[in-house]
């Protein structure tokens, strides 16, 4: 097997294609020798009892808050969970920094992707707390003195998902569970989802405990660190075992983590009926129409603009705009010069200021970087227009030209999560203070 050089061969997600004879070849300066043959066989149906009619996931990370101190891990954790679930054939919608209205509207939209037999995963990373046996997810716009009514109740999210009769519902809550909201409320609603089975809660920590994240590096401008829970979750999430066993492996790994074993104690709550695995295959037989409709709706939320070419013939200059989605509400745009007729030129992208994160120099002037990041795509209410800017020199004279490009309403912007929301600009923070997802050293 190409690339395998160790004395032990690890194989995951086995299928019938992997059945057969295996040998190890050993060689040195004196010659080579083959090991005895090891025969691998699988019993049909022994690995998977169930199939899903489809697999969908909503992955949310709030890291930049209006009234709370920022978190470092959710931004990276969302990326890693998205990649891991996508590899398991989940249709993933990933978002960052949502208000309460946006978060709850997104849950409603997500539930429209769920039908009978669909495997549904809900992941949230950010500030949170537990009160009266219910977990609350703190949105971006929570006030400084927030209480349960200012937040989204995870049990209400579960209730909405259960109303769609999923084949499996996995709730992954990467939050603190201390009962200490800034404001207590006497008559808060209590959500009691029906007991329907095949529901699994994977908590990053136990009741009255905090969740933690790795310490950010001093010279790391992006503060890209992992939360302790996701750090170990992504190692085991693709294992060919049932969901409860998989989360048990994560718990064991956290217990062996020298930085977290004495601080964080993940918890599992489940009423799983049968060995449902995240690796179970999708079988949409008899539901082709519903499966296709779901694929179309998901594609709308994840569709990235096609590569766009700007041809400035008068300058003998060709520029290609390339697009990359960090999440469904964060879009990267990068201009690439294909044909540089002008020897000295500078190219950059400009976008509406409330969507674009601008960096400034020490003297307060904006720093022009070729790539632009469009954030808060969920707030876009009309087609997004960006401007390609070119500064060039001809015969020692500086010239400037620009061209506007309409890229429509890509990614989540087509869903109108909150048409009444005021647009905002997220400021880049530079301090390195520990926060609710506290750092370990």
Protein backbone atom coordinates (compact mmCIF):
# COMPACT_ATOMS: atom_id res chain seq x y z
CA UNK A 1 0.00 0.00 0.00
CA UNK A 2 1.55 3.27 -1.14
CA UNK A 3 2.83 5.52 1.64
CA UNK A 4 2.66 2.86 4.37
CA UNK A 5 6.08 2.35 5.95
CA UNK A 6 5.40 1.64 9.62
CA UNK A 7 5.24 -1.78 11.23
CA UNK A 8 1.53 -1.42 11.97
CA UNK A 9 -1.20 -0.78 9.40
CA UNK A 10 -4.23 1.19 10.62
CA UNK A 11 -7.34 1.07 8.43
CA UNK A 12 -10.54 3.06 8.98
CA UNK A 13 -13.99 2.98 7.38
CA UNK A 14 -13.50 -0.49 5.93
CA UNK A 15 -15.60 -1.64 3.01
CA UNK A 16 -15.77 -4.84 0.96
CA UNK A 17 -13.19 -3.32 -1.40
CA UNK A 18 -10.61 -3.62 1.38
CA UNK A 19 -11.08 -7.40 1.72
CA UNK A 20 -8.16 -9.56 0.61
CA UNK A 21 -4.65 -10.73 1.48
CA UNK A 22 -2.05 -8.41 3.02
CA UNK A 23 1.70 -8.89 3.39
CA UNK A 24 4.53 -6.80 4.72
CA UNK A 25 7.75 -6.49 2.71
CA UNK A 26 10.96 -6.04 4.67
CA UNK A 27 14.23 -5.15 2.98
CA UNK A 28 17.73 -3.94 3.84
CA UNK A 29 21.22 -4.09 2.33
CA UNK A 30 21.26 -7.90 2.69
CA UNK A 31 18.06 -8.55 0.77
CA UNK A 32 14.29 -8.58 1.23
CA UNK A 33 11.67 -10.90 2.70
CA UNK A 34 7.87 -11.09 2.69
CA UNK A 35 5.89 -11.66 5.89
CA UNK A 36 3.22 -14.28 6.31
CA UNK A 37 -0.10 -13.49 4.66
CA UNK A 38 -2.85 -11.84 6.72
CA UNK A 39 -6.35 -12.33 5.33
CA UNK A 40 -8.93 -9.58 5.85
CA UNK A 41 -12.59 -10.50 5.51
CA UNK A 42 -15.75 -8.67 6.50
CA UNK A 43 -19.17 -10.02 7.28
CA UNK A 44 -21.75 -8.22 5.18
CA UNK A 45 -23.79 -5.93 7.38
CA UNK A 46 -21.54 -6.43 10.40
CA UNK A 47 -20.35 -2.82 10.48
CA UNK A 48 -23.57 -0.92 9.88
CA UNK A 49 -27.06 -1.74 11.08
CA UNK A 50 -28.63 1.41 9.68
CA UNK A 51 -28.58 3.82 6.76
CA UNK A 52 -29.58 7.48 6.63
CA UNK A 53 -31.95 8.96 4.07
CA UNK A 54 -29.54 11.91 4.09
CA UNK A 55 -27.07 13.67 6.40
CA UNK A 56 -27.18 17.36 7.30
CA UNK A 57 -25.30 19.50 9.83
CA UNK A 58 -25.55 23.03 11.17
CA UNK A 59 -22.20 24.23 12.57
CA UNK A 60 -22.12 27.60 14.37
CA UNK A 61 -19.31 29.39 16.18
CA UNK A 62 -19.65 32.73 17.94
CA UNK A 63 -16.26 34.20 18.77
CA UNK A 64 -16.58 38.00 18.46
CA UNK A 65 -19.16 39.39 20.88
CA UNK A 66 -20.83 42.75 21.32
CA UNK A 67 -20.71 42.72 25.14
CA UNK A 68 -18.63 39.64 26.03
CA UNK A 69 -14.90 39.24 25.62
CA UNK A 70 -13.94 37.42 22.42
CA UNK A 71 -13.16 33.73 22.20
CA UNK A 72 -10.23 32.35 20.20
CA UNK A 73 -11.19 28.77 19.40
CA UNK A 74 -14.66 28.80 17.75
CA UNK A 75 -13.44 30.21 14.44
CA UNK A 76 -10.98 27.34 13.93
CA UNK A 77 -13.24 24.74 15.55
CA UNK A 78 -16.04 25.50 13.09
CA UNK A 79 -13.65 24.93 10.20
CA UNK A 80 -12.40 21.62 11.56
CA UNK A 81 -15.86 20.27 12.39
CA UNK A 82 -17.10 21.34 8.94
CA UNK A 83 -14.25 19.52 7.18
CA UNK A 84 -14.69 16.38 9.30
CA UNK A 85 -18.45 16.15 8.70
CA UNK A 86 -18.13 16.95 5.00
CA UNK A 87 -15.77 13.98 4.69
CA UNK A 88 -18.57 11.82 6.13
CA UNK A 89 -20.97 13.00 3.38
CA UNK A 90 -22.85 15.51 5.53
CA UNK A 91 -24.34 18.56 3.87
CA UNK A 92 -22.81 21.16 6.18
CA UNK A 93 -23.94 24.76 6.72
CA UNK A 94 -21.30 26.63 8.77
CA UNK A 95 -21.70 30.13 10.18
CA UNK A 96 -19.96 32.47 12.62
CA UNK A 97 -21.05 35.38 14.82
CA UNK A 98 -24.84 35.24 14.65
CA UNK A 99 -27.35 37.35 16.55
CA UNK A 100 -30.17 35.65 18.44
CA UNK A 101 -32.62 36.36 15.63
CA UNK A 102 -30.21 35.04 13.00
CA UNK A 103 -29.33 31.93 15.01
CA UNK A 104 -32.96 30.97 15.59
CA UNK A 105 -33.96 31.77 12.00
CA UNK A 106 -31.07 29.60 10.81
CA UNK A 107 -32.27 26.74 12.99
CA UNK A 108 -35.69 27.00 11.32
CA UNK A 109 -34.10 26.96 7.86
CA UNK A 110 -31.89 24.03 8.88
CA UNK A 111 -34.93 22.07 10.07
CA UNK A 112 -36.42 22.38 6.58
CA UNK A 113 -33.53 20.16 5.39
CA UNK A 114 -34.56 17.42 7.83
CA UNK A 115 -37.10 14.71 7.05
CA UNK A 116 -37.79 11.26 8.36
CA UNK A 117 -34.63 9.16 8.55
CA UNK A 118 -32.20 12.05 8.03
CA UNK A 119 -29.17 12.21 10.32
CA UNK A 120 -28.94 15.71 11.81
CA UNK A 121 -25.94 17.19 13.65
CA UNK A 122 -26.09 20.53 15.47
CA UNK A 123 -22.78 21.99 16.73
CA UNK A 124 -22.39 25.26 18.62
CA UNK A 125 -19.19 26.79 20.00
CA UNK A 126 -19.22 30.01 21.98
CA UNK A 127 -20.23 31.46 25.32
CA UNK A 128 -22.96 29.57 27.12
CA UNK A 129 -24.41 28.56 30.46
CA UNK A 130 -26.88 26.11 32.01
CA UNK A 131 -29.89 27.18 34.03
CA UNK A 132 -32.72 25.01 35.42
CA UNK A 133 -31.47 21.98 33.51
CA UNK A 134 -31.36 23.77 30.16
CA UNK A 135 -28.34 24.94 28.18
CA UNK A 136 -28.30 28.41 26.67
CA UNK A 137 -26.24 29.56 23.69
CA UNK A 138 -25.11 33.19 23.91
CA UNK A 139 -25.56 35.09 20.61
CA UNK A 140 -23.30 37.82 19.26
CA UNK A 141 -25.70 40.63 20.22
CA UNK A 142 -26.45 39.56 23.80
CA UNK A 143 -26.49 42.62 26.10
CA UNK A 144 -23.96 42.97 28.91
CA UNK A 145 -26.58 42.03 31.51
CA UNK A 146 -27.98 39.09 29.53
CA UNK A 147 -30.28 36.43 30.85
CA UNK A 148 -31.90 33.27 29.43
CA UNK A 149 -34.44 35.25 27.39
CA UNK A 150 -31.58 36.98 25.52
CA UNK A 151 -30.11 33.63 24.47
CA UNK A 152 -31.10 30.56 22.47
CA UNK A 153 -32.10 27.47 24.42
CA UNK A 154 -30.47 24.28 23.12
CA UNK A 155 -33.47 22.21 24.23
CA UNK A 156 -35.70 24.34 22.03
CA UNK A 157 -33.34 23.68 19.11
CA UNK A 158 -33.65 19.96 19.83
CA UNK A 159 -37.45 20.22 19.98
CA UNK A 160 -37.56 21.84 16.54
CA UNK A 161 -35.27 19.19 15.07
CA UNK A 162 -37.28 16.37 16.62
CA UNK A 163 -40.46 17.74 15.04
CA UNK A 164 -38.93 16.71 11.68
CA UNK A 165 -38.51 13.02 12.70
CA UNK A 166 -34.76 12.61 12.09
CA UNK A 167 -33.19 9.16 12.11
CA UNK A 168 -30.48 10.51 14.43
CA UNK A 169 -30.02 13.83 16.22
CA UNK A 170 -26.56 14.65 17.58
CA UNK A 171 -26.28 17.84 19.64
CA UNK A 172 -22.67 18.93 20.20
CA UNK A 173 -22.52 21.81 22.69
CA UNK A 174 -19.03 23.28 23.03
CA UNK A 175 -19.93 25.74 25.78
CA UNK A 176 -19.45 26.33 29.49
CA UNK A 177 -22.25 24.94 31.66
CA UNK A 178 -21.93 27.06 34.77
CA UNK A 179 -25.18 28.42 36.19
CA UNK A 180 -24.08 32.03 36.27
CA UNK A 181 -25.84 34.24 33.72
CA UNK A 182 -25.38 37.95 34.46
CA UNK A 183 -29.15 38.29 34.97
CA UNK A 184 -31.45 35.77 36.62
CA UNK A 185 -35.04 35.37 35.44
CA UNK A 186 -37.91 33.95 37.47
CA UNK A 187 -40.37 32.94 34.77
CA UNK A 188 -38.12 31.59 32.04
CA UNK A 189 -39.78 29.07 29.69
CA UNK A 190 -38.94 25.41 30.12
CA UNK A 191 -38.64 23.43 26.88
CA UNK A 192 -39.45 19.75 27.18
CA UNK A 193 -38.73 17.93 23.92
CA UNK A 194 -40.61 14.69 23.48
CA UNK A 195 -38.68 11.51 24.17
CA UNK A 196 -38.49 9.97 20.70
CA UNK A 197 -35.16 8.14 20.88
CA UNK A 198 -31.96 8.37 18.86
CA UNK A 199 -30.93 11.65 20.46
CA UNK A 200 -27.36 12.12 21.65
CA UNK A 201 -25.97 15.12 23.52
CA UNK A 202 -22.21 15.55 23.47
CA UNK A 203 -21.28 18.21 26.02
CA UNK A 204 -17.78 19.69 25.99
CA UNK A 205 -17.89 19.76 29.77
CA UNK A 206 -20.01 18.76 32.77
CA UNK A 207 -22.61 20.75 34.70
CA UNK A 208 -21.17 23.68 36.66
CA UNK A 209 -17.88 23.32 34.78
CA UNK A 210 -16.08 25.47 32.20
CA UNK A 211 -14.94 24.53 28.72
CA UNK A 212 -11.40 25.47 27.74
CA UNK A 213 -9.32 26.29 24.70
CA UNK A 214 -5.62 26.19 23.97
CA UNK A 215 -3.56 29.27 24.79
CA UNK A 216 -3.11 31.57 21.75
CA UNK A 217 0.43 32.13 20.56
CA UNK A 218 1.81 35.59 21.27
CA UNK A 219 2.88 36.19 17.67
CA UNK A 220 -0.17 34.57 16.09
CA UNK A 221 -2.14 37.41 14.52
CA UNK A 222 -5.10 35.19 13.63
CA UNK A 223 -5.30 33.66 17.14
CA UNK A 224 -6.07 30.33 15.46
CA UNK A 225 -6.32 27.91 18.35
CA UNK A 226 -8.46 24.85 19.03
CA UNK A 227 -10.92 24.22 21.80
CA UNK A 228 -10.03 21.21 23.93
CA UNK A 229 -13.23 19.36 22.94
CA UNK A 230 -12.81 19.76 19.18
CA UNK A 231 -9.08 19.09 19.40
CA UNK A 232 -9.97 15.50 20.33
CA UNK A 233 -13.37 15.22 18.60
CA UNK A 234 -11.86 15.46 15.12
CA UNK A 235 -9.53 12.55 15.90
CA UNK A 236 -12.43 10.16 16.50
CA UNK A 237 -15.47 11.56 14.68
CA UNK A 238 -14.80 9.45 11.58
CA UNK A 239 -14.36 6.18 13.50
CA UNK A 240 -16.63 3.40 12.31
CA UNK A 241 -18.41 3.02 15.66
CA UNK A 242 -21.74 4.18 17.03
CA UNK A 243 -22.05 7.80 18.13
CA UNK A 244 -22.03 7.08 21.86
CA UNK A 245 -18.88 4.95 21.58
CA UNK A 246 -17.22 7.65 19.49
CA UNK A 247 -17.96 10.33 22.08
CA UNK A 248 -16.69 7.97 24.77
CA UNK A 249 -13.38 7.80 22.92
CA UNK A 250 -13.29 11.60 22.88
CA UNK A 251 -13.92 11.72 26.62
CA UNK A 252 -11.11 9.25 27.23
CA UNK A 253 -8.73 11.34 25.08
CA UNK A 254 -9.58 14.52 26.99
CA UNK A 255 -8.89 12.62 30.22
CA UNK A 256 -5.43 11.78 28.92
CA UNK A 257 -4.69 15.37 27.83
CA UNK A 258 -2.13 16.67 30.32
CA UNK A 259 -3.36 20.25 29.83
CA UNK A 260 -7.06 19.49 30.27
CA UNK A 261 -7.54 16.26 32.24
CA UNK A 262 -7.88 18.12 35.54
CA UNK A 263 -10.00 20.95 34.11
CA UNK A 264 -12.53 19.63 31.62
CA UNK A 265 -14.86 16.64 31.88
CA UNK A 266 -16.98 16.03 28.76
CA UNK A 267 -20.37 14.45 29.28
CA UNK A 268 -22.66 12.26 27.17
CA UNK A 269 -26.43 11.98 27.39
CA UNK A 270 -28.12 9.57 25.00
CA UNK A 271 -31.13 7.41 24.29
CA UNK A 272 -29.72 5.82 21.15
CA UNK A 273 -31.65 2.81 19.87
CA UNK A 274 -29.20 0.74 17.93
CA UNK A 275 -25.68 1.37 16.73
CA UNK A 276 -26.18 4.51 14.66
CA UNK A 277 -22.85 5.73 13.26
CA UNK A 278 -21.94 9.01 11.62
CA UNK A 279 -20.26 6.84 8.97
CA UNK A 280 -23.54 5.13 8.04
CA UNK A 281 -24.24 5.23 4.31
CA UNK A 282 -26.96 7.34 2.68
CA UNK A 283 -29.82 5.45 1.04
CA UNK A 284 -32.35 7.80 -0.58
CA UNK A 285 -34.23 5.06 -2.41
CA UNK A 286 -37.92 5.97 -2.56
CA UNK A 287 -37.16 9.58 -1.57
CA UNK A 288 -35.35 10.80 -4.67
CA UNK A 289 -37.53 13.90 -5.06
CA UNK A 290 -37.07 14.99 -1.43
CA UNK A 291 -33.35 14.22 -1.55
CA UNK A 292 -32.93 16.36 -4.70
CA UNK A 293 -34.93 19.24 -3.22
CA UNK A 294 -32.76 19.15 -0.11
CA UNK A 295 -29.58 19.18 -2.20
CA UNK A 296 -30.81 22.23 -4.13
CA UNK A 297 -31.68 24.16 -0.94
CA UNK A 298 -28.34 23.30 0.65
CA UNK A 299 -26.45 24.31 -2.50
CA UNK A 300 -28.02 27.78 -2.39
CA UNK A 301 -26.58 28.39 1.08
CA UNK A 302 -23.10 27.13 0.19
CA UNK A 303 -22.71 28.31 -3.41
CA UNK A 304 -19.54 30.33 -4.06
CA UNK A 305 -19.43 32.78 -7.00
CA UNK A 306 -17.76 31.46 -10.11
CA UNK A 307 -14.28 32.71 -10.99
CA UNK A 308 -14.61 36.07 -12.73
CA UNK A 309 -12.15 37.45 -15.29
CA UNK A 310 -11.56 41.17 -15.70
CA UNK A 311 -10.01 42.05 -19.08
CA UNK A 312 -8.65 45.58 -19.33
CA UNK A 313 -7.61 45.56 -22.96
CA UNK A 314 -6.48 49.17 -23.00
CA UNK A 315 -3.87 48.25 -20.38
CA UNK A 316 -3.16 44.79 -21.77
CA UNK A 317 -4.03 43.49 -18.30
CA UNK A 318 -6.08 40.45 -17.28
CA UNK A 319 -7.16 39.84 -13.68
CA UNK A 320 -8.99 36.82 -12.33
CA UNK A 321 -11.17 37.09 -9.21
CA UNK A 322 -11.07 33.88 -7.18
CA UNK A 323 -13.57 33.16 -4.41
CA UNK A 324 -13.25 30.99 -1.32
CA UNK A 325 -15.86 30.47 1.41
CA UNK A 326 -14.43 30.31 4.92
CA UNK A 327 -17.97 29.68 6.19
CA UNK A 328 -21.38 30.27 4.65
CA UNK A 329 -21.25 33.90 5.82
CA UNK A 330 -17.56 34.72 5.32
CA UNK A 331 -16.27 35.06 1.74
CA UNK A 332 -12.66 35.59 0.63
CA UNK A 333 -11.99 37.33 -2.70
CA UNK A 334 -8.51 37.32 -4.19
CA UNK A 335 -7.41 39.04 -7.42
CA UNK A 336 -4.82 37.14 -9.44
CA UNK A 337 -2.99 38.82 -12.34
CA UNK A 338 -3.03 36.49 -15.36
CA UNK A 339 -1.52 38.73 -18.03
CA UNK A 340 0.53 41.64 -16.74
CA UNK A 341 1.02 43.96 -19.69
CA UNK A 342 1.98 46.75 -17.29
CA UNK A 343 5.23 46.12 -15.53
CA UNK A 344 4.41 48.15 -12.42
CA UNK A 345 0.89 47.93 -11.03
CA UNK A 346 -0.95 47.30 -7.78
CA UNK A 347 -4.30 45.51 -7.67
CA UNK A 348 -6.74 45.26 -4.78
CA UNK A 349 -10.43 44.71 -4.07
CA UNK A 350 -12.76 47.13 -2.32
CA UNK A 351 -16.16 46.22 -0.88
CA UNK A 352 -18.83 48.06 1.14
CA UNK A 353 -17.08 49.13 4.35
CA UNK A 354 -19.57 47.47 6.71
CA UNK A 355 -18.78 44.06 5.21
CA UNK A 356 -15.04 44.48 4.75
CA UNK A 357 -12.56 44.14 7.60
CA UNK A 358 -9.99 46.89 7.07
CA UNK A 359 -6.52 46.90 8.62
CA UNK A 360 -4.74 50.17 9.39
CA UNK A 361 -1.09 51.16 9.64
CA UNK A 362 0.48 52.84 12.66
CA UNK A 363 -0.23 56.27 11.17
CA UNK A 364 -3.93 55.47 10.69
CA UNK A 365 -3.91 54.89 6.93
CA UNK A 366 -5.74 51.86 5.48
CA UNK A 367 -3.50 49.00 4.40
CA UNK A 368 -4.27 47.82 0.87
CA UNK A 369 -4.02 44.05 0.63
CA UNK A 370 -4.97 42.16 -2.54
CA UNK A 371 -7.33 39.75 -0.78
CA UNK A 372 -10.52 41.04 0.82
CA UNK A 373 -12.69 39.24 3.36
CA UNK A 374 -16.44 39.85 3.24
CA UNK A 375 -18.04 39.11 6.61
CA UNK A 376 -21.64 39.00 7.84
CA UNK A 377 -22.92 37.76 4.50
CA UNK A 378 -26.26 37.04 6.19
CA UNK A 379 -26.91 40.79 6.42
CA UNK A 380 -26.70 41.43 2.67
CA UNK A 381 -30.11 42.51 1.37
CA UNK A 382 -29.20 43.22 -2.26
CA UNK A 383 -26.62 42.13 -4.79
CA UNK A 384 -23.05 42.52 -3.54
CA UNK A 385 -20.92 44.77 -5.73
CA UNK A 386 -17.13 44.83 -5.32
CA UNK A 387 -14.63 47.07 -7.06
CA UNK A 388 -11.39 45.97 -8.68
CA UNK A 389 -8.85 48.76 -8.23
CA UNK A 390 -5.63 49.11 -10.25
CA UNK A 391 -2.89 51.65 -9.65
CA UNK A 392 -0.14 51.69 -12.28
CA UNK A 393 2.74 53.80 -13.56
CA UNK A 394 3.28 54.87 -17.16
CA UNK A 395 6.24 57.08 -18.03
CA UNK A 396 6.70 57.99 -14.36
CA UNK A 397 3.07 59.11 -14.04
CA UNK A 398 0.77 57.34 -11.57
CA UNK A 399 -2.66 56.37 -12.90
CA UNK A 400 -5.71 54.73 -11.37
CA UNK A 401 -8.60 52.75 -12.88
CA UNK A 402 -11.37 50.67 -11.34
CA UNK A 403 -14.15 48.36 -12.42
CA UNK A 404 -17.26 47.30 -10.48
CA UNK A 405 -18.27 43.63 -10.41
CA UNK A 406 -21.73 42.41 -9.36
CA UNK A 407 -21.36 39.00 -7.70
CA UNK A 408 -25.03 38.63 -6.76
CA UNK A 409 -26.09 37.23 -3.39
CA UNK A 410 -23.84 34.22 -2.78
CA UNK A 411 -23.71 31.83 0.16
CA UNK A 412 -26.15 32.49 3.02
CA UNK A 413 -27.08 36.00 1.81
CA UNK A 414 -29.97 34.57 -0.24
CA UNK A 415 -31.76 33.36 2.92
CA UNK A 416 -32.66 36.74 4.49
CA UNK A 417 -31.80 35.63 8.01
CA UNK A 418 -32.48 39.09 9.42
CA UNK A 419 -33.64 41.72 6.97
CA UNK A 420 -34.13 44.24 9.79
CA UNK A 421 -30.62 43.93 11.19
CA UNK A 422 -28.30 46.92 11.02
CA UNK A 423 -25.06 46.12 9.28
CA UNK A 424 -21.95 46.23 11.43
CA UNK A 425 -18.19 45.96 11.18
CA UNK A 426 -16.35 43.52 13.42
CA UNK A 427 -13.22 45.09 14.80
CA UNK A 428 -10.01 43.11 15.06
CA UNK A 429 -8.97 42.59 18.69
CA UNK A 430 -5.34 42.30 19.73
CA UNK A 431 -5.42 41.52 23.45
CA UNK A 432 -4.67 38.00 24.67
CA UNK A 433 -6.79 37.73 27.82
CA UNK A 434 -8.30 34.38 28.82
CA UNK A 435 -12.04 34.15 28.33
CA UNK A 436 -14.92 31.84 29.21
CA UNK A 437 -13.43 29.13 27.00
CA UNK A 438 -10.36 29.57 29.15
CA UNK A 439 -6.87 28.94 27.88
CA UNK A 440 -4.68 26.10 29.12
CA UNK A 441 -0.93 26.34 29.23
